[in-house]
Amino acid sequence: MAPINPALLAKIMRKLQVEKSRAYARIDQTVRATRMPRHVAALIVASDAGVNISRFASESDLAMMRGVSSSPSAVTPVAVVAPVNGSSTRSTRRRKGKPPASKKQANAVFVVHGRDEKARKALSELLGSVGVRPIEWSQALSFTGKGSPYIGEVIDAGFDHAQAIIVLFTPDDEAKLKDKFFRTGDPAGGEGKADERRHWHSHRTSDGFGAKQKTTYREVEDNWRHS
């Protein structure tokens, strides 16, 4: 059995924004679902996450992956029944008046976070202690139903399945105010480097407020500068 390429595993972790144990769990889940060798399952997970697998996959690997996507067992036959005595028309009327089922999960929130794993885990534990389940990035990725969705589709899918959005701001970056903008009376040390949230947070927060203004909440750690 061919081992999982470490560089491929690193790309999976970076794309899905998960730790190594989570990446392996996702790969093992794919093994069970497809009955593929572990290294091929890793290629499938990577491809679904948007990783370019051309330099990691052999011809035989690609052939096995094509077999998974084109397997006849993956197609469910549909029975067609002719309408009798106008029953189809009545059924259509009933369906028209029924609103579509909501995708939202009763106790789920979509959490946007940075690189601070300690803060992320603490927030997850807090939410779990009150019966709230955070939706992780890998789950939002699967909600799209696409092999290689762009980042906006993943975010929209997470928003659609959550009752609320929580943005956890952590000082992952460092920033420095230009000397010409420093003012007398600013806090000591203000002219030097200061901790700041990642710019990615700002974009995702804007997405949250734009789509779900009433249900987007921000949690900010203290003792750092907010841009």
C-alpha atoms as a PDB file:
ATOM      1  CA  MET A   1       0.000   0.000   0.000  1.00  0.00           C
ATOM      2  CA  ALA A   2       1.470   3.337  -1.051  1.00  0.00           C
ATOM      3  CA  PRO A   3       1.919   5.840   1.811  1.00  0.00           C
ATOM      4  CA  ILE A   4       0.228   9.236   1.852  1.00  0.00           C
ATOM      5  CA  ASN A   5       2.550  11.872   0.426  1.00  0.00           C
ATOM      6  CA  PRO A   6       3.510  14.262   3.300  1.00  0.00           C
ATOM      7  CA  ALA A   7       3.370  17.279   0.960  1.00  0.00           C
ATOM      8  CA  LEU A   8      -0.136  16.290  -0.147  1.00  0.00           C
ATOM      9  CA  LEU A   9      -1.223  15.868   3.480  1.00  0.00           C
ATOM     10  CA  ALA A  10       0.139  19.330   4.295  1.00  0.00           C
ATOM     11  CA  LYS A  11      -1.863  20.839   1.418  1.00  0.00           C
ATOM     12  CA  ILE A  12      -5.028  19.090   2.646  1.00  0.00           C
ATOM     13  CA  MET A  13      -4.508  20.474   6.158  1.00  0.00           C
ATOM     14  CA  ARG A  14      -3.916  23.976   4.792  1.00  0.00           C
ATOM     15  CA  LYS A  15      -6.906  23.921   2.434  1.00  0.00           C
ATOM     16  CA  LEU A  16      -9.341  22.514   5.002  1.00  0.00           C
ATOM     17  CA  GLN A  17      -7.736  24.496   7.855  1.00  0.00           C
ATOM     18  CA  VAL A  18      -7.594  21.443  10.105  1.00  0.00           C
ATOM     19  CA  GLU A  19      -4.997  19.633  12.212  1.00  0.00           C
ATOM     20  CA  LYS A  20      -3.316  16.422  11.074  1.00  0.00           C
ATOM     21  CA  SER A  21      -5.679  14.210  13.102  1.00  0.00           C
ATOM     22  CA  ARG A  22      -8.714  15.838  11.450  1.00  0.00           C
ATOM     23  CA  ALA A  23      -7.170  15.408   8.002  1.00  0.00           C
ATOM     24  CA  TYR A  24      -6.540  11.710   8.655  1.00  0.00           C
ATOM     25  CA  ALA A  25     -10.108  11.318   9.946  1.00  0.00           C
ATOM     26  CA  ARG A  26     -11.445  12.847   6.710  1.00  0.00           C
ATOM     27  CA  ILE A  27      -9.257  10.485   4.657  1.00  0.00           C
ATOM     28  CA  ASP A  28     -10.375   7.438   6.672  1.00  0.00           C
ATOM     29  CA  GLN A  29     -14.009   8.461   6.173  1.00  0.00           C
ATOM     30  CA  THR A  30     -13.394   8.550   2.416  1.00  0.00           C
ATOM     31  CA  VAL A  31     -11.742   5.112   2.575  1.00  0.00           C
ATOM     32  CA  ARG A  32     -14.870   3.667   4.185  1.00  0.00           C
ATOM     33  CA  ALA A  33     -17.183   5.407   1.722  1.00  0.00           C
ATOM     34  CA  THR A  34     -15.269   4.513  -1.460  1.00  0.00           C
ATOM     35  CA  ARG A  35     -13.313   1.375  -0.433  1.00  0.00           C
ATOM     36  CA  MET A  36     -10.274   2.917  -2.077  1.00  0.00           C
ATOM     37  CA  PRO A  37      -6.674   2.523  -0.819  1.00  0.00           C
ATOM     38  CA  ARG A  38      -5.715   5.138   1.730  1.00  0.00           C
ATOM     39  CA  HIS A  39      -3.384   7.091  -0.581  1.00  0.00           C
ATOM     40  CA  VAL A  40      -6.109   7.266  -3.256  1.00  0.00           C
ATOM     41  CA  ALA A  41      -8.642   8.406  -0.640  1.00  0.00           C
ATOM     42  CA  ALA A  42      -6.186  11.172   0.297  1.00  0.00           C
ATOM     43  CA  LEU A  43      -6.086  12.242  -3.358  1.00  0.00           C
ATOM     44  CA  ILE A  44      -9.901  12.316  -3.461  1.00  0.00           C
ATOM     45  CA  VAL A  45     -10.057  14.478  -0.308  1.00  0.00           C
ATOM     46  CA  ALA A  46      -7.383  16.792  -1.721  1.00  0.00           C
ATOM     47  CA  SER A  47      -9.171  17.115  -5.058  1.00  0.00           C
ATOM     48  CA  ASP A  48     -12.483  17.865  -3.319  1.00  0.00           C
ATOM     49  CA  ALA A  49     -10.715  20.569  -1.293  1.00  0.00           C
ATOM     50  CA  GLY A  50      -9.403  22.244  -4.455  1.00  0.00           C
ATOM     51  CA  VAL A  51      -5.803  20.971  -4.328  1.00  0.00           C
ATOM     52  CA  ASN A  52      -4.047  20.396  -7.678  1.00  0.00           C
ATOM     53  CA  ILE A  53      -3.184  16.690  -7.449  1.00  0.00           C
ATOM     54  CA  SER A  54      -1.510  16.303 -10.852  1.00  0.00           C
ATOM     55  CA  ARG A  55       1.991  15.872  -9.412  1.00  0.00           C
ATOM     56  CA  PHE A  56       0.845  13.504  -6.669  1.00  0.00           C
ATOM     57  CA  ALA A  57      -1.366  11.086  -8.626  1.00  0.00           C
ATOM     58  CA  SER A  58      -0.170   8.316 -10.951  1.00  0.00           C
ATOM     59  CA  GLU A  59      -2.131   7.131 -13.990  1.00  0.00           C
ATOM     60  CA  SER A  60      -3.424   4.146 -12.016  1.00  0.00           C
ATOM     61  CA  ASP A  61      -4.479   6.436  -9.148  1.00  0.00           C
ATOM     62  CA  LEU A  62      -6.428   8.658 -11.556  1.00  0.00           C
ATOM     63  CA  ALA A  63      -8.066   5.613 -13.125  1.00  0.00           C
ATOM     64  CA  MET A  64      -9.236   4.438  -9.692  1.00  0.00           C
ATOM     65  CA  MET A  65     -10.576   7.904  -8.895  1.00  0.00           C
ATOM     66  CA  ARG A  66     -12.496   8.001 -12.177  1.00  0.00           C
ATOM     67  CA  GLY A  67     -13.985   4.640 -11.267  1.00  0.00           C
ATOM     68  CA  VAL A  68     -15.352   6.120  -8.035  1.00  0.00           C
ATOM     69  CA  SER A  69     -16.979   9.092  -9.783  1.00  0.00           C
ATOM     70  CA  SER A  70     -18.488   6.963 -12.584  1.00  0.00           C
ATOM     71  CA  SER A  71     -19.560   3.937 -10.559  1.00  0.00           C
ATOM     72  CA  PRO A  72     -23.042   2.707 -11.614  1.00  0.00           C
ATOM     73  CA  SER A  73     -23.904   2.019  -7.996  1.00  0.00           C
ATOM     74  CA  ALA A  74     -23.751   5.749  -7.324  1.00  0.00           C
ATOM     75  CA  VAL A  75     -26.787   6.333  -9.567  1.00  0.00           C
ATOM     76  CA  THR A  76     -30.199   5.822  -8.011  1.00  0.00           C
ATOM     77  CA  PRO A  77     -32.923   4.695 -10.433  1.00  0.00           C
ATOM     78  CA  VAL A  78     -36.071   6.827 -10.524  1.00  0.00           C
ATOM     79  CA  ALA A  79     -39.495   5.258 -10.952  1.00  0.00           C
ATOM     80  CA  VAL A  80     -41.932   7.104 -13.235  1.00  0.00           C
ATOM     81  CA  VAL A  81     -45.644   6.672 -12.515  1.00  0.00           C
ATOM     82  CA  ALA A  82     -48.323   7.926 -14.892  1.00  0.00           C
ATOM     83  CA  PRO A  83     -50.972  10.170 -13.274  1.00  0.00           C
ATOM     84  CA  VAL A  84     -54.377   8.597 -12.652  1.00  0.00           C
ATOM     85  CA  ASN A  85     -57.658  10.579 -12.466  1.00  0.00           C
ATOM     86  CA  GLY A  86     -55.969  13.938 -11.997  1.00  0.00           C
ATOM     87  CA  SER A  87     -54.093  12.868  -8.846  1.00  0.00           C
ATOM     88  CA  SER A  88     -50.917  14.455 -10.201  1.00  0.00           C
ATOM     89  CA  THR A  89     -52.635  17.844 -10.486  1.00  0.00           C
ATOM     90  CA  ARG A  90     -53.882  17.695  -6.902  1.00  0.00           C
ATOM     91  CA  SER A  91     -50.438  16.657  -5.686  1.00  0.00           C
ATOM     92  CA  THR A  92     -48.877  19.566  -7.593  1.00  0.00           C
ATOM     93  CA  ARG A  93     -51.285  22.014  -5.953  1.00  0.00           C
ATOM     94  CA  ARG A  94     -50.338  20.717  -2.503  1.00  0.00           C
ATOM     95  CA  ARG A  95     -46.622  20.999  -3.246  1.00  0.00           C
ATOM     96  CA  LYS A  96     -46.958  24.576  -4.484  1.00  0.00           C
ATOM     97  CA  GLY A  97     -48.355  25.721  -1.156  1.00  0.00           C
ATOM     98  CA  LYS A  98     -45.640  24.016   0.898  1.00  0.00           C
ATOM     99  CA  PRO A  99     -42.520  26.087   1.635  1.00  0.00           C
ATOM    100  CA  PRO A 100     -39.130  24.446   0.972  1.00  0.00           C
ATOM    101  CA  ALA A 101     -37.530  22.696   3.922  1.00  0.00           C
ATOM    102  CA  SER A 102     -34.918  24.767   5.726  1.00  0.00           C
ATOM    103  CA  LYS A 103     -31.304  23.582   5.656  1.00  0.00           C
ATOM    104  CA  LYS A 104     -30.594  25.198   9.006  1.00  0.00           C
ATOM    105  CA  GLN A 105     -29.618  22.936  11.891  1.00  0.00           C
ATOM    106  CA  ALA A 106     -31.322  23.763  15.171  1.00  0.00           C
ATOM    107  CA  ASN A 107     -28.223  23.975  17.374  1.00  0.00           C
ATOM    108  CA  ALA A 108     -25.502  24.825  14.829  1.00  0.00           C
ATOM    109  CA  VAL A 109     -23.398  27.968  14.447  1.00  0.00           C
ATOM    110  CA  PHE A 110     -20.817  28.731  11.756  1.00  0.00           C
ATOM    111  CA  VAL A 111     -17.538  29.759  13.405  1.00  0.00           C
ATOM    112  CA  VAL A 112     -14.963  31.904  11.587  1.00  0.00           C
ATOM    113  CA  HIS A 113     -11.576  31.850  13.317  1.00  0.00           C
ATOM    114  CA  GLY A 114      -7.892  32.525  12.750  1.00  0.00           C
ATOM    115  CA  ARG A 115      -4.744  30.478  13.399  1.00  0.00           C
ATOM    116  CA  ASP A 116      -4.988  30.466  17.209  1.00  0.00           C
ATOM    117  CA  GLU A 117      -5.964  26.838  17.874  1.00  0.00           C
ATOM    118  CA  LYS A 118      -6.024  27.327  21.645  1.00  0.00           C
ATOM    119  CA  ALA A 119      -8.641  30.078  21.339  1.00  0.00           C
ATOM    120  CA  ARG A 120     -10.626  28.080  18.766  1.00  0.00           C
ATOM    121  CA  LYS A 121     -10.722  24.976  20.984  1.00  0.00           C
ATOM    122  CA  ALA A 122     -11.736  27.049  24.006  1.00  0.00           C
ATOM    123  CA  LEU A 123     -14.620  28.549  22.032  1.00  0.00           C
ATOM    124  CA  SER A 124     -15.673  25.096  20.778  1.00  0.00           C
ATOM    125  CA  GLU A 125     -15.675  23.745  24.338  1.00  0.00           C
ATOM    126  CA  LEU A 126     -17.741  26.711  25.524  1.00  0.00           C
ATOM    127  CA  LEU A 127     -20.291  26.220  22.753  1.00  0.00           C
ATOM    128  CA  GLY A 128     -20.430  22.476  23.392  1.00  0.00           C
ATOM    129  CA  SER A 129     -21.053  23.027  27.101  1.00  0.00           C
ATOM    130  CA  VAL A 130     -24.292  24.869  26.287  1.00  0.00           C
ATOM    131  CA  GLY A 131     -25.431  22.408  23.629  1.00  0.00           C
ATOM    132  CA  VAL A 132     -24.335  24.378  20.574  1.00  0.00           C
ATOM    133  CA  ARG A 133     -22.482  22.602  17.751  1.00  0.00           C
ATOM    134  CA  PRO A 134     -19.960  24.612  15.703  1.00  0.00           C
ATOM    135  CA  ILE A 135     -19.868  23.969  11.940  1.00  0.00           C
ATOM    136  CA  GLU A 136     -16.253  23.483  10.857  1.00  0.00           C
ATOM    137  CA  TRP A 137     -14.781  24.484   7.511  1.00  0.00           C
ATOM    138  CA  SER A 138     -14.561  20.861   6.302  1.00  0.00           C
ATOM    139  CA  GLN A 139     -18.285  20.427   6.974  1.00  0.00           C
ATOM    140  CA  ALA A 140     -19.185  23.638   5.142  1.00  0.00           C
ATOM    141  CA  LEU A 141     -17.049  22.357   2.252  1.00  0.00           C
ATOM    142  CA  SER A 142     -19.113  19.168   2.033  1.00  0.00           C
ATOM    143  CA  PHE A 143     -22.384  21.151   2.225  1.00  0.00           C
ATOM    144  CA  THR A 144     -21.641  22.708  -1.188  1.00  0.00           C
ATOM    145  CA  GLY A 145     -21.942  19.318  -2.899  1.00  0.00           C
ATOM    146  CA  LYS A 146     -19.141  20.348  -5.291  1.00  0.00           C
ATOM    147  CA  GLY A 147     -15.722  18.849  -5.875  1.00  0.00           C
ATOM    148  CA  SER A 148     -13.864  22.158  -6.088  1.00  0.00           C
ATOM    149  CA  PRO A 149     -16.052  25.020  -4.806  1.00  0.00           C
ATOM    150  CA  TYR A 150     -14.606  28.507  -4.572  1.00  0.00           C
ATOM    151  CA  ILE A 151     -14.324  30.053  -1.133  1.00  0.00           C
ATOM    152  CA  GLY A 152     -17.503  32.153  -1.437  1.00  0.00           C
ATOM    153  CA  GLU A 153     -19.602  29.029  -2.066  1.00  0.00           C
ATOM    154  CA  VAL A 154     -18.172  27.340   1.040  1.00  0.00           C
ATOM    155  CA  ILE A 155     -18.970  30.394   3.160  1.00  0.00           C
ATOM    156  CA  ASP A 156     -22.511  30.635   1.784  1.00  0.00           C
ATOM    157  CA  ALA A 157     -23.086  26.927   2.493  1.00  0.00           C
ATOM    158  CA  GLY A 158     -21.915  27.358   6.091  1.00  0.00           C
ATOM    159  CA  PHE A 159     -24.173  30.400   6.517  1.00  0.00           C
ATOM    160  CA  ASP A 160     -27.168  28.518   5.080  1.00  0.00           C
ATOM    161  CA  HIS A 161     -26.858  25.634   7.579  1.00  0.00           C
ATOM    162  CA  ALA A 162     -26.245  27.731  10.708  1.00  0.00           C
ATOM    163  CA  GLN A 163     -28.606  29.575  13.016  1.00  0.00           C
ATOM    164  CA  ALA A 164     -25.933  32.195  13.695  1.00  0.00           C
ATOM    165  CA  ILE A 165     -22.385  33.161  12.732  1.00  0.00           C
ATOM    166  CA  ILE A 166     -19.638  33.709  15.296  1.00  0.00           C
ATOM    167  CA  VAL A 167     -16.418  35.482  14.272  1.00  0.00           C
ATOM    168  CA  LEU A 168     -13.528  34.918  16.706  1.00  0.00           C
ATOM    169  CA  PHE A 169     -10.953  37.697  16.361  1.00  0.00           C
ATOM    170  CA  THR A 170      -7.473  36.739  17.619  1.00  0.00           C
ATOM    171  CA  PRO A 171      -4.229  38.750  17.291  1.00  0.00           C
ATOM    172  CA  ASP A 172      -2.548  36.449  14.768  1.00  0.00           C
ATOM    173  CA  ASP A 173      -0.727  39.175  12.785  1.00  0.00           C
ATOM    174  CA  GLU A 174       1.572  42.053  13.675  1.00  0.00           C
ATOM    175  CA  ALA A 175       1.119  45.549  12.271  1.00  0.00           C
ATOM    176  CA  LYS A 176       2.944  48.855  12.671  1.00  0.00           C
ATOM    177  CA  LEU A 177       1.452  52.341  12.472  1.00  0.00           C
ATOM    178  CA  LYS A 178       3.412  54.688  10.215  1.00  0.00           C
ATOM    179  CA  ASP A 179       5.412  57.241  12.199  1.00  0.00           C
ATOM    180  CA  LYS A 180       3.699  60.186  10.496  1.00  0.00           C
ATOM    181  CA  PHE A 181       0.318  59.029  11.841  1.00  0.00           C
ATOM    182  CA  PHE A 182       1.449  58.593  15.459  1.00  0.00           C
ATOM    183  CA  ARG A 183      -0.188  61.164  17.748  1.00  0.00           C
ATOM    184  CA  THR A 184       0.825  62.569  21.075  1.00  0.00           C
ATOM    185  CA  GLY A 185      -1.326  60.935  23.701  1.00  0.00           C
ATOM    186  CA  ASP A 186      -1.510  57.562  21.968  1.00  0.00           C
ATOM    187  CA  PRO A 187      -0.870  54.607  24.337  1.00  0.00           C
ATOM    188  CA  ALA A 188       2.771  53.918  25.123  1.00  0.00           C
ATOM    189  CA  GLY A 189       4.282  51.641  22.538  1.00  0.00           C
ATOM    190  CA  GLY A 190       1.673  52.625  19.963  1.00  0.00           C
ATOM    191  CA  GLU A 191       4.414  53.622  17.527  1.00  0.00           C
ATOM    192  CA  GLY A 192       5.819  50.094  17.490  1.00  0.00           C
ATOM    193  CA  LYS A 193       4.413  46.817  16.295  1.00  0.00           C
ATOM    194  CA  ALA A 194       1.028  45.766  17.624  1.00  0.00           C
ATOM    195  CA  ASP A 195      -1.010  42.604  17.446  1.00  0.00           C
ATOM    196  CA  GLU A 196      -3.771  42.631  14.865  1.00  0.00           C
ATOM    197  CA  ARG A 197      -6.353  40.242  13.439  1.00  0.00           C
ATOM    198  CA  ARG A 198      -5.695  38.632  10.069  1.00  0.00           C
ATOM    199  CA  HIS A 199      -7.116  40.490   7.050  1.00  0.00           C
ATOM    200  CA  TRP A 200      -8.981  37.310   6.076  1.00  0.00           C
ATOM    201  CA  HIS A 201     -11.097  37.851   9.206  1.00  0.00           C
ATOM    202  CA  SER A 202     -12.210  41.245   7.957  1.00  0.00           C
ATOM    203  CA  HIS A 203     -13.398  39.853   4.637  1.00  0.00           C
ATOM    204  CA  ARG A 204     -15.288  36.960   6.218  1.00  0.00           C
ATOM    205  CA  THR A 205     -16.865  39.276   8.820  1.00  0.00           C
ATOM    206  CA  SER A 206     -18.069  41.550   6.023  1.00  0.00           C
ATOM    207  CA  ASP A 207     -19.570  38.494   4.309  1.00  0.00           C
ATOM    208  CA  GLY A 208     -21.338  37.565   7.539  1.00  0.00           C
ATOM    209  CA  PHE A 209     -22.801  41.009   8.161  1.00  0.00           C
ATOM    210  CA  GLY A 210     -23.823  41.323   4.536  1.00  0.00           C
ATOM    211  CA  ALA A 211     -25.693  38.005   4.491  1.00  0.00           C
ATOM    212  CA  LYS A 212     -26.834  37.583   8.107  1.00  0.00           C
ATOM    213  CA  GLN A 213     -26.570  40.957   9.813  1.00  0.00           C
ATOM    214  CA  LYS A 214     -28.915  40.098  12.693  1.00  0.00           C
ATOM    215  CA  THR A 215     -27.217  36.787  13.535  1.00  0.00           C
ATOM    216  CA  THR A 216     -23.497  37.582  13.172  1.00  0.00           C
ATOM    217  CA  TYR A 217     -21.634  37.985  16.465  1.00  0.00           C
ATOM    218  CA  ARG A 218     -18.042  39.055  17.071  1.00  0.00           C
ATOM    219  CA  GLU A 219     -15.888  37.744  19.923  1.00  0.00           C
ATOM    220  CA  VAL A 220     -12.674  39.736  20.397  1.00  0.00           C
ATOM    221  CA  GLU A 221      -9.668  38.949  22.610  1.00  0.00           C
ATOM    222  CA  ASP A 222      -8.424  41.877  24.697  1.00  0.00           C
ATOM    223  CA  ASN A 223      -5.106  43.750  24.712  1.00  0.00           C
ATOM    224  CA  TRP A 224      -4.529  44.270  21.014  1.00  0.00           C
ATOM    225  CA  ARG A 225      -5.180  46.905  18.401  1.00  0.00           C
ATOM    226  CA  HIS A 226      -8.297  46.720  16.239  1.00  0.00           C
ATOM    227  CA  SER A 227      -7.786  47.999  12.704  1.00  0.00           C
END
